[in-house]
N, C-alpha and C. Protein backbone atom coordinates (compact mmCIF):
# COMPACT_ATOMS: atom_id res chain seq x y z
N MET A 1 0.85 -1.19 0.00
CA MET A 1 0.00 0.00 0.00
C MET A 1 0.87 1.23 0.00
N SER A 2 0.64 2.10 -0.92
CA SER A 2 1.36 3.35 -0.98
C SER A 2 0.60 4.40 -0.19
N LEU A 3 1.31 5.14 0.60
CA LEU A 3 0.68 6.21 1.36
C LEU A 3 0.66 7.51 0.55
N ASP A 4 0.90 7.42 -0.75
CA ASP A 4 0.82 8.58 -1.63
C ASP A 4 -0.59 9.13 -1.72
N ALA A 5 -1.58 8.34 -1.33
CA ALA A 5 -2.99 8.75 -1.43
C ALA A 5 -3.45 9.56 -0.22
N LEU A 6 -2.52 9.97 0.64
CA LEU A 6 -2.91 10.75 1.82
C LEU A 6 -3.51 12.09 1.38
N PRO A 7 -4.56 12.53 2.07
CA PRO A 7 -5.14 13.83 1.73
C PRO A 7 -4.19 14.96 2.10
N ALA A 8 -4.42 16.12 1.52
CA ALA A 8 -3.59 17.29 1.78
C ALA A 8 -3.46 17.56 3.27
N GLY A 9 -2.27 17.89 3.69
CA GLY A 9 -2.01 18.21 5.09
C GLY A 9 -1.42 17.06 5.88
N TRP A 10 -1.67 15.84 5.45
CA TRP A 10 -1.13 14.66 6.15
C TRP A 10 0.18 14.24 5.48
N GLN A 11 1.12 13.80 6.28
CA GLN A 11 2.38 13.28 5.74
C GLN A 11 2.87 12.12 6.59
N VAL A 12 3.69 11.29 5.98
CA VAL A 12 4.29 10.17 6.70
C VAL A 12 5.39 10.76 7.59
N TRP A 13 5.25 10.54 8.87
CA TRP A 13 6.23 11.03 9.85
C TRP A 13 7.29 9.97 10.10
N THR A 14 6.83 8.72 10.23
CA THR A 14 7.70 7.57 10.47
C THR A 14 7.09 6.37 9.79
N GLU A 15 7.93 5.56 9.14
CA GLU A 15 7.46 4.31 8.57
C GLU A 15 8.54 3.26 8.75
N GLU A 16 8.26 2.27 9.57
CA GLU A 16 9.17 1.15 9.80
C GLU A 16 8.86 0.07 8.77
N HIS A 17 9.88 -0.54 8.23
CA HIS A 17 9.68 -1.60 7.25
C HIS A 17 8.84 -2.72 7.86
N GLU A 18 7.67 -2.95 7.27
CA GLU A 18 6.73 -3.98 7.73
C GLU A 18 6.26 -3.76 9.17
N GLY A 19 6.48 -2.55 9.70
CA GLY A 19 6.08 -2.26 11.07
C GLY A 19 5.16 -1.07 11.16
N ARG A 20 5.26 -0.38 12.27
CA ARG A 20 4.34 0.72 12.54
C ARG A 20 4.59 1.90 11.61
N VAL A 21 3.55 2.71 11.49
CA VAL A 21 3.59 3.92 10.67
C VAL A 21 2.96 5.03 11.50
N ILE A 22 3.55 6.21 11.43
CA ILE A 22 2.98 7.38 12.09
C ILE A 22 2.76 8.44 11.03
N LEU A 23 1.52 8.92 10.96
CA LEU A 23 1.17 10.00 10.05
C LEU A 23 0.95 11.26 10.88
N ALA A 24 1.38 12.40 10.37
CA ALA A 24 1.23 13.66 11.09
C ALA A 24 0.44 14.64 10.24
N TYR A 25 -0.40 15.42 10.91
CA TYR A 25 -1.21 16.42 10.23
C TYR A 25 -0.63 17.81 10.46
N ARG A 26 -0.29 18.45 9.39
CA ARG A 26 0.18 19.83 9.35
C ARG A 26 1.27 20.13 10.40
N PRO A 27 2.39 19.41 10.36
CA PRO A 27 3.47 19.72 11.31
C PRO A 27 4.04 21.13 11.10
N ASP A 28 3.73 21.74 9.96
CA ASP A 28 4.15 23.12 9.74
C ASP A 28 3.34 24.10 10.59
N VAL A 29 2.14 23.72 10.98
CA VAL A 29 1.28 24.56 11.81
C VAL A 29 1.40 24.18 13.28
N PHE A 30 1.29 22.89 13.56
CA PHE A 30 1.34 22.40 14.94
C PHE A 30 2.79 22.05 15.27
N ASP A 31 3.63 23.10 15.33
CA ASP A 31 5.08 22.95 15.32
C ASP A 31 5.77 23.24 16.65
N THR A 32 5.11 23.23 17.75
CA THR A 32 5.59 23.48 19.11
C THR A 32 5.78 24.95 19.42
N GLU A 33 5.71 25.84 18.44
CA GLU A 33 5.84 27.26 18.73
C GLU A 33 4.48 27.87 19.04
N GLN A 34 3.51 27.66 18.16
CA GLN A 34 2.19 28.21 18.35
C GLN A 34 1.32 27.32 19.25
N PHE A 35 1.56 26.01 19.18
CA PHE A 35 0.81 25.03 19.96
C PHE A 35 1.79 24.08 20.63
N PRO A 36 1.44 23.51 21.79
CA PRO A 36 2.33 22.55 22.43
C PRO A 36 2.58 21.33 21.52
N ALA A 37 3.76 20.75 21.61
CA ALA A 37 4.14 19.61 20.77
C ALA A 37 3.11 18.48 20.79
N PRO A 38 2.51 18.14 21.93
CA PRO A 38 1.55 17.04 21.92
C PRO A 38 0.29 17.31 21.10
N CYS A 39 0.06 18.56 20.67
CA CYS A 39 -1.14 18.89 19.91
C CYS A 39 -1.03 18.51 18.43
N LEU A 40 0.06 17.94 18.00
CA LEU A 40 0.20 17.52 16.60
C LEU A 40 -0.73 16.33 16.36
N PRO A 41 -1.79 16.51 15.56
CA PRO A 41 -2.67 15.36 15.28
C PRO A 41 -1.88 14.26 14.56
N THR A 42 -2.04 13.04 15.02
CA THR A 42 -1.32 11.91 14.44
C THR A 42 -2.25 10.72 14.26
N ILE A 43 -1.87 9.89 13.32
CA ILE A 43 -2.52 8.59 13.15
C ILE A 43 -1.43 7.55 13.29
N PHE A 44 -1.63 6.62 14.21
CA PHE A 44 -0.69 5.54 14.45
C PHE A 44 -1.24 4.26 13.83
N VAL A 45 -0.39 3.56 13.09
CA VAL A 45 -0.72 2.24 12.56
C VAL A 45 0.26 1.28 13.22
N SER A 46 -0.28 0.31 13.93
CA SER A 46 0.58 -0.60 14.69
C SER A 46 -0.16 -1.90 14.99
N ASN A 47 0.61 -2.94 15.23
CA ASN A 47 0.03 -4.19 15.71
C ASN A 47 0.45 -4.45 17.15
N GLY A 48 0.85 -3.40 17.85
CA GLY A 48 1.21 -3.52 19.26
C GLY A 48 -0.04 -3.67 20.12
N SER A 49 0.14 -4.32 21.25
CA SER A 49 -0.96 -4.50 22.19
C SER A 49 -1.52 -3.14 22.58
N ARG A 50 -2.82 -3.04 22.76
CA ARG A 50 -3.48 -1.79 23.14
C ARG A 50 -3.72 -1.72 24.64
N ARG A 51 -3.22 -2.67 25.39
CA ARG A 51 -3.39 -2.63 26.85
C ARG A 51 -2.68 -1.40 27.40
N LYS A 52 -3.16 -0.92 28.51
CA LYS A 52 -2.66 0.33 29.10
C LYS A 52 -1.45 0.14 30.02
N ARG A 53 -1.02 -1.07 30.24
CA ARG A 53 0.11 -1.26 31.15
C ARG A 53 1.43 -0.87 30.46
N PRO A 54 2.44 -0.48 31.23
CA PRO A 54 3.72 -0.06 30.66
C PRO A 54 4.35 -1.15 29.78
N GLY A 55 4.82 -0.75 28.62
CA GLY A 55 5.49 -1.67 27.71
C GLY A 55 4.58 -2.53 26.87
N ALA A 56 3.28 -2.47 27.10
CA ALA A 56 2.35 -3.34 26.38
C ALA A 56 2.39 -3.09 24.87
N SER A 57 2.59 -1.85 24.47
CA SER A 57 2.58 -1.55 23.03
C SER A 57 3.75 -2.19 22.29
N GLN A 58 4.73 -2.67 23.02
CA GLN A 58 5.88 -3.34 22.40
C GLN A 58 5.61 -4.81 22.10
N VAL A 59 4.48 -5.32 22.60
CA VAL A 59 4.11 -6.72 22.39
C VAL A 59 3.27 -6.82 21.12
N ALA A 60 3.80 -7.52 20.11
CA ALA A 60 3.09 -7.65 18.83
C ALA A 60 1.88 -8.57 18.97
N THR A 61 0.82 -8.20 18.25
CA THR A 61 -0.40 -9.00 18.23
C THR A 61 -0.73 -9.32 16.78
N ASP A 62 -1.78 -10.11 16.56
CA ASP A 62 -2.23 -10.42 15.20
C ASP A 62 -3.16 -9.35 14.64
N THR A 63 -3.56 -8.41 15.48
CA THR A 63 -4.49 -7.37 15.07
C THR A 63 -3.75 -6.06 14.85
N TRP A 64 -4.02 -5.44 13.72
CA TRP A 64 -3.46 -4.12 13.41
C TRP A 64 -4.50 -3.05 13.73
N HIS A 65 -4.04 -1.88 14.15
CA HIS A 65 -4.92 -0.77 14.49
C HIS A 65 -4.48 0.49 13.76
N ALA A 66 -5.44 1.29 13.39
CA ALA A 66 -5.21 2.65 12.93
C ALA A 66 -5.92 3.54 13.94
N SER A 67 -5.15 4.39 14.62
CA SER A 67 -5.69 5.19 15.72
C SER A 67 -5.38 6.66 15.50
N LEU A 68 -6.39 7.50 15.63
CA LEU A 68 -6.20 8.94 15.56
C LEU A 68 -5.98 9.47 16.97
N LEU A 69 -4.90 10.23 17.15
CA LEU A 69 -4.65 10.87 18.44
C LEU A 69 -4.49 12.36 18.22
N LEU A 70 -5.17 13.15 19.05
CA LEU A 70 -5.00 14.59 19.01
C LEU A 70 -3.95 15.03 20.02
N GLU A 71 -3.79 14.23 21.05
CA GLU A 71 -2.76 14.38 22.06
C GLU A 71 -2.57 12.98 22.65
N PRO A 72 -1.48 12.76 23.39
CA PRO A 72 -1.26 11.40 23.91
C PRO A 72 -2.44 10.81 24.67
N GLU A 73 -3.18 11.61 25.40
CA GLU A 73 -4.31 11.10 26.16
C GLU A 73 -5.67 11.39 25.51
N ILE A 74 -5.66 11.98 24.32
CA ILE A 74 -6.90 12.32 23.62
C ILE A 74 -6.96 11.49 22.35
N GLU A 75 -7.63 10.34 22.47
CA GLU A 75 -7.70 9.40 21.36
C GLU A 75 -9.04 9.51 20.66
N GLY A 76 -8.98 9.57 19.34
CA GLY A 76 -10.17 9.60 18.51
C GLY A 76 -10.51 8.18 18.07
N PRO A 77 -11.06 8.04 16.89
CA PRO A 77 -11.45 6.72 16.40
C PRO A 77 -10.25 5.76 16.31
N VAL A 78 -10.53 4.51 16.65
CA VAL A 78 -9.56 3.42 16.51
C VAL A 78 -10.23 2.35 15.67
N ARG A 79 -9.56 1.94 14.62
CA ARG A 79 -10.12 0.91 13.76
C ARG A 79 -9.20 -0.31 13.78
N LYS A 80 -9.80 -1.49 13.78
CA LYS A 80 -9.05 -2.75 13.82
C LYS A 80 -9.02 -3.40 12.44
N PHE A 81 -7.88 -4.08 12.16
CA PHE A 81 -7.68 -4.74 10.87
C PHE A 81 -6.91 -6.04 11.05
N ASP A 82 -7.05 -6.91 10.07
CA ASP A 82 -6.36 -8.20 10.10
C ASP A 82 -4.96 -8.15 9.53
N SER A 83 -4.62 -7.09 8.80
CA SER A 83 -3.30 -7.01 8.18
C SER A 83 -2.79 -5.57 8.20
N ARG A 84 -1.50 -5.42 8.05
CA ARG A 84 -0.88 -4.10 7.97
C ARG A 84 -1.41 -3.36 6.75
N GLU A 85 -1.51 -4.05 5.64
CA GLU A 85 -2.01 -3.44 4.40
C GLU A 85 -3.41 -2.85 4.61
N ASP A 86 -4.29 -3.60 5.23
CA ASP A 86 -5.65 -3.10 5.49
C ASP A 86 -5.63 -1.93 6.47
N ALA A 87 -4.73 -1.99 7.45
CA ALA A 87 -4.62 -0.90 8.42
C ALA A 87 -4.13 0.38 7.76
N LEU A 88 -3.24 0.26 6.78
CA LEU A 88 -2.77 1.44 6.06
C LEU A 88 -3.91 2.07 5.25
N VAL A 89 -4.72 1.23 4.62
CA VAL A 89 -5.90 1.73 3.90
C VAL A 89 -6.83 2.42 4.89
N GLY A 90 -7.02 1.82 6.05
CA GLY A 90 -7.86 2.41 7.09
C GLY A 90 -7.30 3.73 7.61
N ALA A 91 -5.99 3.83 7.71
CA ALA A 91 -5.35 5.08 8.16
C ALA A 91 -5.61 6.20 7.16
N VAL A 92 -5.52 5.89 5.88
CA VAL A 92 -5.82 6.89 4.85
C VAL A 92 -7.28 7.32 4.98
N GLY A 93 -8.17 6.37 5.24
CA GLY A 93 -9.58 6.69 5.44
C GLY A 93 -9.80 7.60 6.65
N LEU A 94 -9.08 7.34 7.75
CA LEU A 94 -9.18 8.21 8.93
C LEU A 94 -8.69 9.62 8.59
N ALA A 95 -7.58 9.69 7.85
CA ALA A 95 -7.04 11.00 7.46
C ALA A 95 -8.04 11.75 6.59
N GLU A 96 -8.68 11.05 5.67
CA GLU A 96 -9.68 11.68 4.81
C GLU A 96 -10.87 12.18 5.63
N ALA A 97 -11.33 11.36 6.56
CA ALA A 97 -12.45 11.76 7.41
C ALA A 97 -12.09 12.97 8.26
N PHE A 98 -10.87 13.00 8.74
CA PHE A 98 -10.42 14.12 9.56
C PHE A 98 -10.44 15.43 8.77
N VAL A 99 -9.82 15.44 7.59
CA VAL A 99 -9.76 16.69 6.83
C VAL A 99 -11.13 17.09 6.26
N ALA A 100 -12.03 16.14 6.14
CA ALA A 100 -13.38 16.44 5.66
C ALA A 100 -14.27 16.97 6.78
N GLY A 101 -13.75 17.02 8.02
CA GLY A 101 -14.53 17.51 9.15
C GLY A 101 -15.52 16.50 9.69
N GLU A 102 -15.31 15.23 9.38
CA GLU A 102 -16.25 14.17 9.81
C GLU A 102 -15.96 13.63 11.20
N ILE A 103 -14.87 14.05 11.80
CA ILE A 103 -14.51 13.57 13.14
C ILE A 103 -14.72 14.72 14.13
N ASP A 104 -15.51 14.46 15.16
CA ASP A 104 -15.83 15.47 16.17
C ASP A 104 -14.71 15.53 17.20
N TYR A 105 -13.64 16.25 16.87
CA TYR A 105 -12.51 16.33 17.79
C TYR A 105 -12.86 17.11 19.05
N ARG A 106 -13.79 18.05 18.96
CA ARG A 106 -14.20 18.80 20.16
C ARG A 106 -14.81 17.88 21.20
N GLY A 107 -15.57 16.90 20.75
CA GLY A 107 -16.23 15.98 21.66
C GLY A 107 -15.28 15.05 22.40
N LEU A 108 -14.03 14.99 21.99
CA LEU A 108 -13.06 14.12 22.63
C LEU A 108 -12.43 14.74 23.88
N TYR A 109 -12.58 16.04 24.03
CA TYR A 109 -11.94 16.78 25.12
C TYR A 109 -12.89 17.03 26.27
N GLN A 110 -12.38 16.91 27.50
CA GLN A 110 -13.13 17.33 28.67
C GLN A 110 -12.85 18.80 28.97
N VAL A 111 -11.60 19.21 28.75
CA VAL A 111 -11.21 20.60 28.93
C VAL A 111 -10.80 21.13 27.56
N PRO A 112 -11.63 21.98 26.96
CA PRO A 112 -11.37 22.45 25.60
C PRO A 112 -10.10 23.28 25.47
N ARG A 113 -9.48 23.22 24.33
CA ARG A 113 -8.36 24.09 23.95
C ARG A 113 -8.90 24.95 22.81
N GLU A 114 -9.50 26.08 23.15
CA GLU A 114 -10.22 26.87 22.15
C GLU A 114 -9.35 27.35 21.00
N ASP A 115 -8.11 27.80 21.27
CA ASP A 115 -7.23 28.25 20.18
C ASP A 115 -6.91 27.10 19.24
N TYR A 116 -6.69 25.94 19.82
CA TYR A 116 -6.38 24.74 19.04
C TYR A 116 -7.58 24.36 18.18
N PHE A 117 -8.76 24.35 18.78
CA PHE A 117 -9.98 24.02 18.03
C PHE A 117 -10.21 25.01 16.90
N ALA A 118 -9.99 26.29 17.18
CA ALA A 118 -10.19 27.31 16.14
C ALA A 118 -9.26 27.05 14.95
N LYS A 119 -8.03 26.68 15.23
CA LYS A 119 -7.09 26.42 14.14
C LYS A 119 -7.49 25.15 13.38
N LEU A 120 -7.88 24.10 14.11
CA LEU A 120 -8.35 22.89 13.44
C LEU A 120 -9.58 23.18 12.59
N ASP A 121 -10.50 23.96 13.14
CA ASP A 121 -11.70 24.32 12.38
C ASP A 121 -11.33 25.02 11.08
N GLU A 122 -10.38 25.93 11.16
CA GLU A 122 -9.93 26.65 9.97
C GLU A 122 -9.31 25.70 8.94
N LEU A 123 -8.50 24.77 9.43
CA LEU A 123 -7.78 23.87 8.52
C LEU A 123 -8.65 22.79 7.90
N VAL A 124 -9.60 22.27 8.66
CA VAL A 124 -10.43 21.19 8.14
C VAL A 124 -11.76 21.69 7.62
N GLY A 125 -12.00 22.98 7.71
CA GLY A 125 -13.21 23.56 7.13
C GLY A 125 -14.47 23.24 7.88
N ASP A 126 -14.39 23.07 9.20
CA ASP A 126 -15.55 22.71 10.00
C ASP A 126 -15.79 23.79 11.05
N SER A 127 -16.12 24.98 10.64
CA SER A 127 -16.38 26.07 11.58
C SER A 127 -17.77 25.93 12.19
N GLU A 128 -17.85 26.31 13.43
CA GLU A 128 -19.16 26.29 14.11
C GLU A 128 -19.59 27.69 14.43
């Protein structure tokens, strides 16, 4: 699967051969100067365990996941797949949904970051 089909604004941040992939959204905007570093929207593709205990993500499983994170503790949709190839296709789908304004990122937060939301709204075209 080629990640050349990523929608505008998304780029491959890290790609391990036959392993995990990290996609980043607009690192030119969410660059640690205007917004804190953890605010870089990312999509992780991995077959690591999803358990919350320390080191669990280093344990490989048979299930691949594509997960959208707005911050380390702010997780959006997570999709499960049987193969890395399918998970990469799913990651592109998550990226497309994100830029189309189909993901309610505001609803994921308990304590809103209004400046961050305003910038995301501007970039993904989902103003309220």
